Amino acid sequence: MSKRCPHCPGGFGLKYPLFHDEYFWIVCDVHPLTEGHILVIPKGHVPCMAALDNNAFVRFRGLYGNVSNFLNRAYGRTAVFEHGIAGQSVFHAHTHFLPFGGSINEIIPEKLAKRISDLDELKTEFNKEHEYLYVAIGDNKYLVDTRIAYPRLFREVFAESLGVKERGNWKRTER
């Protein structure tokens, strides 16, 4: 736990709570890219979701499905992303969920993305490579080539695709 971490207790990233349990907070993003932008944040200060212990990871999978289903019902289609250490600008795991009706090619060239079948593959990738980039559009989940990673990669490309390029860099937006 860090006093300076936005996702640790007292951090500004927890400003708009929706839910919490033993393992996680679910919050509205303080710097939303669009209406409905939600974060799932582990209470433990871990670098990425794949670094969670098995009990917390099982809970994450359940929350992932619940948040995705909620956004799908409210907005139609959901995108999800996590930097998985590669390209992080906040070094406390957090997964972004947001309404998004576009395609993977609007975010990343599909040739740089390997489709995966389930979230357990994040742990496999992390154990092998010690980093990953993860994005999902609708039901399609992808691991993305980490060589293209830079801080805020997914925030910036989603912001541009959504027509709100100025929201891509959360450090330059008002709290």
N, C-alpha and C. Protein backbone atom coordinates (compact mmCIF):
# COMPACT_ATOMS: atom_id res chain seq x y z
N MET A 1 0.85 -1.17 0.00
CA MET A 1 0.00 0.00 0.00
C MET A 1 0.89 1.24 0.00
N SER A 2 0.52 2.20 -0.78
CA SER A 2 1.30 3.42 -0.90
C SER A 2 0.40 4.63 -0.68
N LYS A 3 0.88 5.57 0.09
CA LYS A 3 0.11 6.80 0.32
C LYS A 3 -0.05 7.61 -0.96
N ARG A 4 0.84 7.42 -1.92
CA ARG A 4 0.79 8.18 -3.16
C ARG A 4 0.04 7.47 -4.28
N CYS A 5 -0.34 6.22 -4.05
CA CYS A 5 -1.01 5.43 -5.09
C CYS A 5 -2.47 5.85 -5.20
N PRO A 6 -2.93 6.20 -6.40
CA PRO A 6 -4.33 6.61 -6.57
C PRO A 6 -5.33 5.50 -6.31
N HIS A 7 -4.88 4.24 -6.31
CA HIS A 7 -5.80 3.12 -6.13
C HIS A 7 -5.68 2.43 -4.77
N CYS A 8 -4.89 3.00 -3.87
CA CYS A 8 -4.81 2.51 -2.50
C CYS A 8 -5.76 3.36 -1.63
N PRO A 9 -6.13 2.87 -0.44
CA PRO A 9 -7.05 3.64 0.42
C PRO A 9 -6.61 5.10 0.56
N GLY A 10 -7.57 5.99 0.38
CA GLY A 10 -7.30 7.43 0.42
C GLY A 10 -6.90 8.02 -0.91
N GLY A 11 -6.66 7.18 -1.91
CA GLY A 11 -6.26 7.67 -3.23
C GLY A 11 -7.43 8.23 -4.02
N PHE A 12 -7.14 9.19 -4.89
CA PHE A 12 -8.20 9.86 -5.66
C PHE A 12 -8.92 8.91 -6.61
N GLY A 13 -8.29 7.81 -6.99
CA GLY A 13 -8.92 6.86 -7.91
C GLY A 13 -10.11 6.13 -7.33
N LEU A 14 -10.28 6.21 -6.02
CA LEU A 14 -11.40 5.54 -5.36
C LEU A 14 -12.53 6.52 -5.02
N LYS A 15 -12.50 7.68 -5.63
CA LYS A 15 -13.41 8.77 -5.31
C LYS A 15 -14.89 8.46 -5.56
N TYR A 16 -15.20 7.65 -6.57
CA TYR A 16 -16.59 7.38 -6.94
C TYR A 16 -16.90 5.88 -6.84
N PRO A 17 -17.01 5.37 -5.61
CA PRO A 17 -17.21 3.92 -5.43
C PRO A 17 -18.61 3.47 -5.83
N LEU A 18 -18.67 2.28 -6.40
CA LEU A 18 -19.93 1.64 -6.75
C LEU A 18 -20.17 0.39 -5.90
N PHE A 19 -19.07 -0.30 -5.57
CA PHE A 19 -19.17 -1.59 -4.90
C PHE A 19 -17.80 -1.93 -4.33
N HIS A 20 -17.79 -2.72 -3.26
CA HIS A 20 -16.54 -3.31 -2.82
C HIS A 20 -16.83 -4.61 -2.09
N ASP A 21 -15.84 -5.48 -2.06
CA ASP A 21 -15.93 -6.73 -1.31
C ASP A 21 -14.57 -6.97 -0.67
N GLU A 22 -14.33 -8.17 -0.28
CA GLU A 22 -13.08 -8.51 0.40
C GLU A 22 -11.84 -8.24 -0.46
N TYR A 23 -11.98 -8.39 -1.78
CA TYR A 23 -10.83 -8.32 -2.68
C TYR A 23 -10.76 -7.08 -3.55
N PHE A 24 -11.89 -6.48 -3.90
CA PHE A 24 -11.92 -5.46 -4.95
C PHE A 24 -12.79 -4.25 -4.61
N TRP A 25 -12.46 -3.16 -5.29
CA TRP A 25 -13.32 -2.00 -5.40
C TRP A 25 -13.78 -1.94 -6.86
N ILE A 26 -15.01 -1.55 -7.07
CA ILE A 26 -15.49 -1.20 -8.40
C ILE A 26 -15.87 0.27 -8.30
N VAL A 27 -15.29 1.09 -9.18
CA VAL A 27 -15.48 2.53 -9.11
C VAL A 27 -15.75 3.09 -10.50
N CYS A 28 -16.39 4.26 -10.53
CA CYS A 28 -16.47 5.02 -11.77
C CYS A 28 -15.09 5.64 -11.98
N ASP A 29 -14.59 5.59 -13.19
CA ASP A 29 -13.29 6.18 -13.47
C ASP A 29 -13.35 7.69 -13.18
N VAL A 30 -12.37 8.18 -12.45
CA VAL A 30 -12.30 9.61 -12.13
C VAL A 30 -12.08 10.44 -13.39
N HIS A 31 -11.43 9.85 -14.38
CA HIS A 31 -11.14 10.50 -15.66
C HIS A 31 -11.77 9.68 -16.78
N PRO A 32 -13.10 9.64 -16.86
CA PRO A 32 -13.75 8.73 -17.82
C PRO A 32 -13.50 9.12 -19.27
N LEU A 33 -13.34 8.08 -20.08
CA LEU A 33 -13.25 8.30 -21.52
C LEU A 33 -14.65 8.51 -22.10
N THR A 34 -15.64 7.93 -21.46
CA THR A 34 -17.03 8.04 -21.90
C THR A 34 -17.93 7.72 -20.72
N GLU A 35 -19.18 8.07 -20.82
CA GLU A 35 -20.15 7.69 -19.80
C GLU A 35 -20.12 6.17 -19.64
N GLY A 36 -20.16 5.69 -18.40
CA GLY A 36 -20.15 4.26 -18.14
C GLY A 36 -18.78 3.66 -17.97
N HIS A 37 -17.72 4.48 -17.95
CA HIS A 37 -16.34 3.99 -17.79
C HIS A 37 -16.13 3.57 -16.33
N ILE A 38 -15.88 2.30 -16.12
CA ILE A 38 -15.77 1.71 -14.79
C ILE A 38 -14.42 1.02 -14.64
N LEU A 39 -13.86 1.06 -13.42
CA LEU A 39 -12.62 0.35 -13.11
C LEU A 39 -12.90 -0.73 -12.07
N VAL A 40 -12.25 -1.86 -12.22
CA VAL A 40 -12.19 -2.88 -11.19
C VAL A 40 -10.76 -2.85 -10.66
N ILE A 41 -10.63 -2.62 -9.35
CA ILE A 41 -9.32 -2.40 -8.72
C ILE A 41 -9.17 -3.36 -7.55
N PRO A 42 -8.09 -4.16 -7.52
CA PRO A 42 -7.88 -5.02 -6.37
C PRO A 42 -7.51 -4.19 -5.13
N LYS A 43 -7.95 -4.65 -3.98
CA LYS A 43 -7.58 -3.97 -2.73
C LYS A 43 -6.12 -4.19 -2.41
N GLY A 44 -5.59 -5.35 -2.77
CA GLY A 44 -4.16 -5.60 -2.60
C GLY A 44 -3.36 -4.83 -3.63
N HIS A 45 -2.24 -4.28 -3.22
CA HIS A 45 -1.39 -3.50 -4.12
C HIS A 45 -0.54 -4.47 -4.96
N VAL A 46 -1.13 -4.92 -6.07
CA VAL A 46 -0.44 -5.83 -6.99
C VAL A 46 -0.25 -5.12 -8.32
N PRO A 47 0.77 -5.50 -9.10
CA PRO A 47 1.06 -4.78 -10.34
C PRO A 47 0.09 -5.05 -11.48
N CYS A 48 -0.55 -6.22 -11.49
CA CYS A 48 -1.49 -6.55 -12.55
C CYS A 48 -2.43 -7.64 -12.07
N MET A 49 -3.52 -7.84 -12.75
CA MET A 49 -4.51 -8.82 -12.33
C MET A 49 -3.95 -10.24 -12.32
N ALA A 50 -3.06 -10.54 -13.24
CA ALA A 50 -2.49 -11.89 -13.29
C ALA A 50 -1.58 -12.18 -12.10
N ALA A 51 -1.20 -11.16 -11.35
CA ALA A 51 -0.37 -11.36 -10.15
C ALA A 51 -1.22 -11.64 -8.91
N LEU A 52 -2.54 -11.60 -9.04
CA LEU A 52 -3.42 -11.89 -7.91
C LEU A 52 -3.28 -13.34 -7.48
N ASP A 53 -3.51 -13.60 -6.19
CA ASP A 53 -3.54 -15.00 -5.76
C ASP A 53 -4.77 -15.67 -6.37
N ASN A 54 -4.83 -16.99 -6.29
CA ASN A 54 -5.89 -17.73 -6.98
C ASN A 54 -7.28 -17.35 -6.51
N ASN A 55 -7.50 -17.16 -5.20
CA ASN A 55 -8.83 -16.79 -4.71
C ASN A 55 -9.26 -15.44 -5.27
N ALA A 56 -8.38 -14.47 -5.24
CA ALA A 56 -8.71 -13.14 -5.76
C ALA A 56 -8.93 -13.19 -7.27
N PHE A 57 -8.15 -14.00 -7.97
CA PHE A 57 -8.31 -14.08 -9.43
C PHE A 57 -9.65 -14.71 -9.80
N VAL A 58 -10.07 -15.72 -9.05
CA VAL A 58 -11.39 -16.32 -9.28
C VAL A 58 -12.46 -15.26 -9.08
N ARG A 59 -12.34 -14.47 -8.03
CA ARG A 59 -13.31 -13.40 -7.78
C ARG A 59 -13.27 -12.37 -8.91
N PHE A 60 -12.06 -12.03 -9.40
CA PHE A 60 -11.92 -11.10 -10.51
C PHE A 60 -12.69 -11.60 -11.73
N ARG A 61 -12.55 -12.88 -12.06
CA ARG A 61 -13.28 -13.43 -13.22
C ARG A 61 -14.78 -13.24 -13.06
N GLY A 62 -15.28 -13.46 -11.86
CA GLY A 62 -16.71 -13.25 -11.63
C GLY A 62 -17.13 -11.81 -11.78
N LEU A 63 -16.35 -10.90 -11.19
CA LEU A 63 -16.66 -9.47 -11.32
C LEU A 63 -16.53 -9.00 -12.76
N TYR A 64 -15.55 -9.52 -13.47
CA TYR A 64 -15.37 -9.20 -14.89
C TYR A 64 -16.66 -9.48 -15.65
N GLY A 65 -17.21 -10.67 -15.44
CA GLY A 65 -18.46 -11.03 -16.11
C GLY A 65 -19.62 -10.14 -15.69
N ASN A 66 -19.71 -9.85 -14.39
CA ASN A 66 -20.81 -9.01 -13.90
C ASN A 66 -20.75 -7.59 -14.46
N VAL A 67 -19.57 -6.99 -14.44
CA VAL A 67 -19.43 -5.61 -14.94
C VAL A 67 -19.68 -5.58 -16.45
N SER A 68 -19.12 -6.53 -17.18
CA SER A 68 -19.35 -6.59 -18.63
C SER A 68 -20.83 -6.74 -18.95
N ASN A 69 -21.50 -7.65 -18.24
CA ASN A 69 -22.94 -7.85 -18.48
C ASN A 69 -23.74 -6.59 -18.18
N PHE A 70 -23.40 -5.93 -17.09
CA PHE A 70 -24.09 -4.68 -16.74
C PHE A 70 -23.93 -3.65 -17.85
N LEU A 71 -22.70 -3.43 -18.29
CA LEU A 71 -22.46 -2.43 -19.34
C LEU A 71 -23.10 -2.85 -20.67
N ASN A 72 -23.07 -4.12 -20.97
CA ASN A 72 -23.71 -4.60 -22.20
C ASN A 72 -25.21 -4.31 -22.18
N ARG A 73 -25.85 -4.54 -21.04
CA ARG A 73 -27.29 -4.26 -20.94
C ARG A 73 -27.56 -2.77 -21.02
N ALA A 74 -26.71 -1.97 -20.39
CA ALA A 74 -26.94 -0.52 -20.35
C ALA A 74 -26.55 0.18 -21.65
N TYR A 75 -25.49 -0.29 -22.32
CA TYR A 75 -24.94 0.46 -23.46
C TYR A 75 -24.82 -0.35 -24.75
N GLY A 76 -25.01 -1.64 -24.70
CA GLY A 76 -24.94 -2.42 -25.93
C GLY A 76 -23.72 -3.29 -26.08
N ARG A 77 -22.54 -2.73 -25.94
CA ARG A 77 -21.32 -3.50 -26.14
C ARG A 77 -20.21 -2.91 -25.29
N THR A 78 -19.30 -3.77 -24.84
CA THR A 78 -18.27 -3.35 -23.89
C THR A 78 -16.88 -3.66 -24.41
N ALA A 79 -15.95 -2.78 -24.07
CA ALA A 79 -14.52 -3.04 -24.27
C ALA A 79 -13.88 -3.08 -22.88
N VAL A 80 -12.82 -3.84 -22.79
CA VAL A 80 -12.09 -4.00 -21.54
C VAL A 80 -10.61 -3.91 -21.87
N PHE A 81 -9.84 -3.26 -20.98
CA PHE A 81 -8.40 -3.29 -21.18
C PHE A 81 -7.66 -3.21 -19.86
N GLU A 82 -6.47 -3.81 -19.89
CA GLU A 82 -5.52 -3.73 -18.77
C GLU A 82 -4.12 -3.76 -19.35
N HIS A 83 -3.26 -2.91 -18.80
CA HIS A 83 -1.90 -2.86 -19.30
C HIS A 83 -1.00 -3.98 -18.78
N GLY A 84 -1.38 -4.68 -17.75
CA GLY A 84 -0.62 -5.85 -17.31
C GLY A 84 0.87 -5.61 -17.19
N ILE A 85 1.25 -4.53 -16.62
CA ILE A 85 2.61 -4.01 -16.39
C ILE A 85 3.14 -3.28 -17.61
N ALA A 86 2.98 -3.82 -18.80
CA ALA A 86 3.49 -3.17 -20.01
C ALA A 86 2.71 -1.87 -20.27
N GLY A 87 3.38 -0.74 -20.24
CA GLY A 87 2.75 0.53 -20.54
C GLY A 87 1.92 1.13 -19.42
N GLN A 88 2.13 0.67 -18.19
CA GLN A 88 1.36 1.23 -17.08
C GLN A 88 1.79 2.66 -16.77
N SER A 89 0.83 3.45 -16.31
CA SER A 89 1.16 4.77 -15.77
C SER A 89 0.76 4.84 -14.29
N VAL A 90 -0.02 3.87 -13.82
CA VAL A 90 -0.34 3.68 -12.40
C VAL A 90 0.07 2.25 -12.09
N PHE A 91 0.90 2.06 -11.08
CA PHE A 91 1.50 0.75 -10.82
C PHE A 91 0.73 -0.05 -9.76
N HIS A 92 -0.57 0.05 -9.82
CA HIS A 92 -1.50 -0.74 -9.01
C HIS A 92 -2.52 -1.26 -10.01
N ALA A 93 -2.67 -2.56 -10.08
CA ALA A 93 -3.55 -3.17 -11.08
C ALA A 93 -4.91 -2.49 -11.11
N HIS A 94 -5.44 -2.35 -12.29
CA HIS A 94 -6.81 -1.87 -12.49
C HIS A 94 -7.22 -2.22 -13.92
N THR A 95 -8.46 -2.66 -14.06
CA THR A 95 -8.97 -3.04 -15.36
C THR A 95 -10.10 -2.09 -15.73
N HIS A 96 -10.01 -1.56 -16.95
CA HIS A 96 -10.99 -0.60 -17.47
C HIS A 96 -12.10 -1.34 -18.21
N PHE A 97 -13.34 -0.92 -17.97
CA PHE A 97 -14.52 -1.41 -18.68
C PHE A 97 -15.24 -0.18 -19.20
N LEU A 98 -15.58 -0.17 -20.49
CA LEU A 98 -16.29 0.99 -21.03
C LEU A 98 -17.15 0.61 -22.21
N PRO A 99 -18.24 1.33 -22.39
CA PRO A 99 -19.07 1.11 -23.57
C PRO A 99 -18.24 1.38 -24.83
N PHE A 100 -18.32 0.48 -25.80
CA PHE A 100 -17.56 0.66 -27.03
C PHE A 100 -18.16 -0.24 -28.10
N GLY A 101 -18.55 0.32 -29.20
CA GLY A 101 -19.17 -0.45 -30.28
C GLY A 101 -18.26 -0.71 -31.46
N GLY A 102 -16.99 -0.30 -31.36
CA GLY A 102 -16.06 -0.44 -32.48
C GLY A 102 -15.44 -1.83 -32.58
N SER A 103 -14.42 -1.90 -33.42
CA SER A 103 -13.74 -3.17 -33.67
C SER A 103 -12.32 -3.13 -33.11
N ILE A 104 -11.70 -4.28 -33.04
CA ILE A 104 -10.31 -4.37 -32.57
C ILE A 104 -9.40 -3.54 -33.45
N ASN A 105 -9.67 -3.48 -34.75
CA ASN A 105 -8.80 -2.73 -35.66
C ASN A 105 -8.85 -1.22 -35.44
N GLU A 106 -9.88 -0.73 -34.74
CA GLU A 106 -9.90 0.68 -34.36
C GLU A 106 -8.96 0.96 -33.20
N ILE A 107 -8.60 -0.08 -32.47
CA ILE A 107 -7.77 0.06 -31.28
C ILE A 107 -6.34 -0.38 -31.55
N ILE A 108 -6.21 -1.51 -32.17
CA ILE A 108 -4.88 -2.09 -32.41
C ILE A 108 -4.98 -2.92 -33.69
N PRO A 109 -3.97 -2.89 -34.54
CA PRO A 109 -4.04 -3.77 -35.72
C PRO A 109 -4.17 -5.23 -35.27
N GLU A 110 -5.15 -5.91 -35.80
CA GLU A 110 -5.42 -7.28 -35.35
C GLU A 110 -4.20 -8.19 -35.49
N LYS A 111 -3.30 -7.88 -36.41
CA LYS A 111 -2.10 -8.72 -36.57
C LYS A 111 -1.19 -8.63 -35.35
N LEU A 112 -1.36 -7.61 -34.51
CA LEU A 112 -0.56 -7.48 -33.28
C LEU A 112 -1.27 -8.08 -32.08
N ALA A 113 -2.44 -8.67 -32.31
CA ALA A 113 -3.25 -9.21 -31.23
C ALA A 113 -3.49 -10.70 -31.44
N LYS A 114 -3.27 -11.46 -30.37
CA LYS A 114 -3.52 -12.90 -30.40
C LYS A 114 -4.80 -13.17 -29.61
N ARG A 115 -5.77 -13.77 -30.25
CA ARG A 115 -7.04 -14.07 -29.57
C ARG A 115 -6.80 -15.14 -28.52
N ILE A 116 -7.40 -14.93 -27.35
CA ILE A 116 -7.34 -15.92 -26.28
C ILE A 116 -8.77 -16.33 -25.92
N SER A 117 -8.90 -17.48 -25.29
CA SER A 117 -10.24 -17.99 -25.00
C SER A 117 -10.76 -17.57 -23.64
N ASP A 118 -9.86 -17.35 -22.66
CA ASP A 118 -10.35 -16.98 -21.33
C ASP A 118 -9.29 -16.21 -20.56
N LEU A 119 -9.71 -15.66 -19.43
CA LEU A 119 -8.83 -14.81 -18.62
C LEU A 119 -7.68 -15.58 -17.98
N ASP A 120 -7.82 -16.88 -17.83
CA ASP A 120 -6.72 -17.66 -17.25
C ASP A 120 -5.45 -17.54 -18.09
N GLU A 121 -5.60 -17.24 -19.37
CA GLU A 121 -4.43 -17.08 -20.23
C GLU A 121 -3.60 -15.85 -19.85
N LEU A 122 -4.20 -14.90 -19.12
CA LEU A 122 -3.41 -13.77 -18.60
C LEU A 122 -2.36 -14.28 -17.63
N LYS A 123 -2.75 -15.18 -16.74
CA LYS A 123 -1.80 -15.73 -15.77
C LYS A 123 -0.69 -16.50 -16.48
N THR A 124 -1.06 -17.28 -17.48
CA THR A 124 -0.06 -18.04 -18.25
C THR A 124 0.94 -17.09 -18.89
N GLU A 125 0.43 -16.05 -19.53
CA GLU A 125 1.30 -15.07 -20.20
C GLU A 125 2.19 -14.34 -19.18
N PHE A 126 1.61 -13.93 -18.07
CA PHE A 126 2.37 -13.22 -17.04
C PHE A 126 3.46 -14.11 -16.45
N ASN A 127 3.15 -15.37 -16.19
CA ASN A 127 4.15 -16.29 -15.64
C ASN A 127 5.30 -16.53 -16.62
N LYS A 128 4.99 -16.48 -17.91
CA LYS A 128 6.00 -16.71 -18.95
C LYS A 128 6.80 -15.44 -19.26
N GLU A 129 6.10 -14.31 -19.45
CA GLU A 129 6.74 -13.08 -19.95
C GLU A 129 6.90 -11.98 -18.90
N HIS A 130 6.22 -12.11 -17.77
CA HIS A 130 6.25 -11.12 -16.68
C HIS A 130 5.61 -9.79 -17.06
N GLU A 131 4.82 -9.79 -18.12
CA GLU A 131 4.05 -8.62 -18.54
C GLU A 131 3.06 -9.06 -19.61
N TYR A 132 2.10 -8.21 -19.88
CA TYR A 132 1.15 -8.46 -20.96
C TYR A 132 0.38 -7.17 -21.23
N LEU A 133 -0.26 -7.12 -22.37
CA LEU A 133 -1.25 -6.11 -22.72
C LEU A 133 -2.52 -6.88 -23.04
N TYR A 134 -3.62 -6.49 -22.43
CA TYR A 134 -4.87 -7.20 -22.63
C TYR A 134 -5.95 -6.23 -23.09
N VAL A 135 -6.71 -6.66 -24.08
CA VAL A 135 -7.86 -5.89 -24.53
C VAL A 135 -8.95 -6.86 -24.97
N ALA A 136 -10.18 -6.48 -24.73
CA ALA A 136 -11.32 -7.26 -25.21
C ALA A 136 -12.32 -6.30 -25.84
N ILE A 137 -12.88 -6.72 -26.94
CA ILE A 137 -13.93 -5.98 -27.62
C ILE A 137 -15.10 -6.95 -27.72
N GLY A 138 -16.18 -6.64 -27.03
CA GLY A 138 -17.28 -7.60 -26.98
C GLY A 138 -16.80 -8.89 -26.33
N ASP A 139 -17.09 -10.02 -26.95
CA ASP A 139 -16.69 -11.32 -26.41
C ASP A 139 -15.29 -11.75 -26.84
N ASN A 140 -14.63 -10.98 -27.68
CA ASN A 140 -13.31 -11.34 -28.19
C ASN A 140 -12.22 -10.78 -27.29
N LYS A 141 -11.40 -11.68 -26.76
CA LYS A 141 -10.31 -11.31 -25.84
C LYS A 141 -8.98 -11.47 -26.57
N TYR A 142 -8.05 -10.53 -26.30
CA TYR A 142 -6.77 -10.54 -26.99
C TYR A 142 -5.62 -10.23 -26.05
N LEU A 143 -4.49 -10.88 -26.30
CA LEU A 143 -3.20 -10.45 -25.78
C LEU A 143 -2.52 -9.71 -26.91
N VAL A 144 -1.98 -8.55 -26.60
CA VAL A 144 -1.40 -7.68 -27.61
C VAL A 144 0.12 -7.68 -27.46
N ASP A 145 0.81 -7.60 -28.57
CA ASP A 145 2.28 -7.57 -28.58
C ASP A 145 2.78 -6.44 -27.68
N THR A 146 3.51 -6.78 -26.64
CA THR A 146 3.97 -5.77 -25.66
C THR A 146 5.05 -4.85 -26.22
N ARG A 147 5.61 -5.17 -27.36
CA ARG A 147 6.63 -4.28 -27.93
C ARG A 147 6.06 -2.93 -28.34
N ILE A 148 4.75 -2.84 -28.47
CA ILE A 148 4.15 -1.56 -28.84
C ILE A 148 3.70 -0.75 -27.62
N ALA A 149 3.94 -1.28 -26.43
CA ALA A 149 3.45 -0.64 -25.20
C ALA A 149 4.14 0.69 -24.94
N TYR A 150 3.35 1.62 -24.46
CA TYR A 150 3.85 2.89 -23.91
C TYR A 150 2.82 3.34 -22.89
N PRO A 151 3.19 4.23 -21.97
CA PRO A 151 2.22 4.65 -20.95
C PRO A 151 0.93 5.18 -21.57
N ARG A 152 -0.18 4.66 -21.08
CA ARG A 152 -1.52 5.08 -21.49
C ARG A 152 -1.90 4.62 -22.90
N LEU A 153 -1.23 3.65 -23.45
CA LEU A 153 -1.51 3.19 -24.82
C LEU A 153 -3.01 3.01 -25.06
N PHE A 154 -3.65 2.14 -24.29
CA PHE A 154 -5.06 1.86 -24.55
C PHE A 154 -5.95 3.05 -24.25
N ARG A 155 -5.66 3.80 -23.20
CA ARG A 155 -6.47 5.01 -22.93
C ARG A 155 -6.43 5.93 -24.14
N GLU A 156 -5.25 6.14 -24.67
CA GLU A 156 -5.11 7.08 -25.79
C GLU A 156 -5.79 6.59 -27.06
N VAL A 157 -5.64 5.30 -27.39
CA VAL A 157 -6.26 4.84 -28.62
C VAL A 157 -7.78 4.73 -28.49
N PHE A 158 -8.27 4.35 -27.31
CA PHE A 158 -9.73 4.36 -27.11
C PHE A 158 -10.26 5.79 -27.16
N ALA A 159 -9.55 6.72 -26.51
CA ALA A 159 -9.99 8.13 -26.52
C ALA A 159 -10.09 8.64 -27.95
N GLU A 160 -9.09 8.35 -28.76
CA GLU A 160 -9.11 8.81 -30.15
C GLU A 160 -10.27 8.16 -30.91
N SER A 161 -10.47 6.87 -30.72
CA SER A 161 -11.55 6.18 -31.41
C SER A 161 -12.92 6.71 -30.99
N LEU A 162 -13.05 7.11 -29.73
CA LEU A 162 -14.31 7.64 -29.21
C LEU A 162 -14.50 9.13 -29.52
N GLY A 163 -13.49 9.75 -30.15
CA GLY A 163 -13.59 11.17 -30.50
C GLY A 163 -13.33 12.11 -29.33
N VAL A 164 -12.62 11.62 -28.31
CA VAL A 164 -12.31 12.45 -27.14
C VAL A 164 -10.80 12.37 -26.85
N LYS A 165 -10.02 12.64 -27.87
CA LYS A 165 -8.57 12.51 -27.78
C LYS A 165 -7.99 13.22 -26.56
N GLU A 166 -8.58 14.36 -26.18
CA GLU A 166 -8.09 15.14 -25.04
C GLU A 166 -8.22 14.39 -23.72
N ARG A 167 -9.02 13.33 -23.66
CA ARG A 167 -9.17 12.55 -22.42
C ARG A 167 -8.18 11.39 -22.32
N GLY A 168 -7.38 11.19 -23.34
CA GLY A 168 -6.45 10.07 -23.36
C GLY A 168 -5.39 10.12 -22.28
N ASN A 169 -4.91 11.31 -21.98
CA ASN A 169 -3.90 11.45 -20.93
C ASN A 169 -4.60 11.90 -19.65
N TRP A 170 -4.85 10.96 -18.76
CA TRP A 170 -5.59 11.26 -17.52
C TRP A 170 -4.86 12.26 -16.65
N LYS A 171 -3.53 12.36 -16.79
CA LYS A 171 -2.76 13.30 -15.97
C LYS A 171 -3.03 14.76 -16.32
N ARG A 172 -3.60 14.98 -17.50
CA ARG A 172 -3.89 16.35 -17.96
C ARG A 172 -5.35 16.72 -17.82
N THR A 173 -6.16 15.82 -17.27
CA THR A 173 -7.58 16.12 -17.11
C THR A 173 -7.86 16.53 -15.67
N GLU A 174 -8.93 17.23 -15.46
CA GLU A 174 -9.31 17.70 -14.12
C GLU A 174 -9.89 16.54 -13.32
N ARG A 175 -9.68 16.60 -12.02
CA ARG A 175 -10.24 15.58 -11.13
C ARG A 175 -11.55 16.05 -10.60
